[in-house]
Amino acid sequence: MGDDRHDHDHDHDVESPALRAEALELLLREAGLVTEEEIDLQVSRYEEDIGPMRGAQVVARAWLDLDFKARLLADGNAAIAEFGFQGAQTEHLVVKENSEAVHNVIVCTLCSCYPWAVLGLPPTWYKDPAYRSRVVREPRKVLEEMGLSLAEGVEIRVWDSTAEVRYMVLPQRPAGTDALSETELAALVDRSSMIGVGVVEKPAEAA
């Protein structure tokens, strides 16, 4: 899997941002300033709508614009900044492109480092110790258990995120989508394909 993909040192504070966020949420709820339902609604929007939608826009642009794709693969942060997305983006984003010969998967083996700015909140399974440990050791088997079967000849590369570096997968564009617009292409892209545990499927009319 390469020396630079999952051999690293996570330098995280014991008091993680997640713990601080939970403490702040508890204080706000106890003060009656926000309800649990309001918090759940905002989390759901960011997890299922705002976050992955941003990443899908980036992927669709890269499929259509080869110059943008080159910029994205060279410097993820600079390329994505062209979209003007709001929100902190303090870590370096590295984008890995899938091909017929290589399939990329992202993980964080020691915690749950994740490209929030483009994919929203990490799914529960991404933070699960079983995924974090097994996908490095037996990626093909883990992907099959998650519903993705790759040909034996396809090389699987696992990229391990850190507090300083986040990874995102640029999935392959499915066949039969030449006539689709950027918006239509973005609608095909889901979060799983940008993590690498899934692929972008052909639209039904092209299948």
Foldseek 3Di string as FASTA:
>chain_A
DDPQFAPDDADADPCHPVNVVVVVVVVCVVVVNDHPVVVVVVLCCQQFPVAQLQLLLLLLCVVVDVVLVVVCQVFVVVSSVVVVQDDDDQAGEHEAEDDLAEFEAEAALPAQDARCSRNNDDDPVRGDNCCSPVCVVPVQVVLVVVPDHHDPRHHYHYGHAHPRYHYWYNADQDPPCPPPDSVRSSVQDGNCVGRRSDHRDDPPVRD
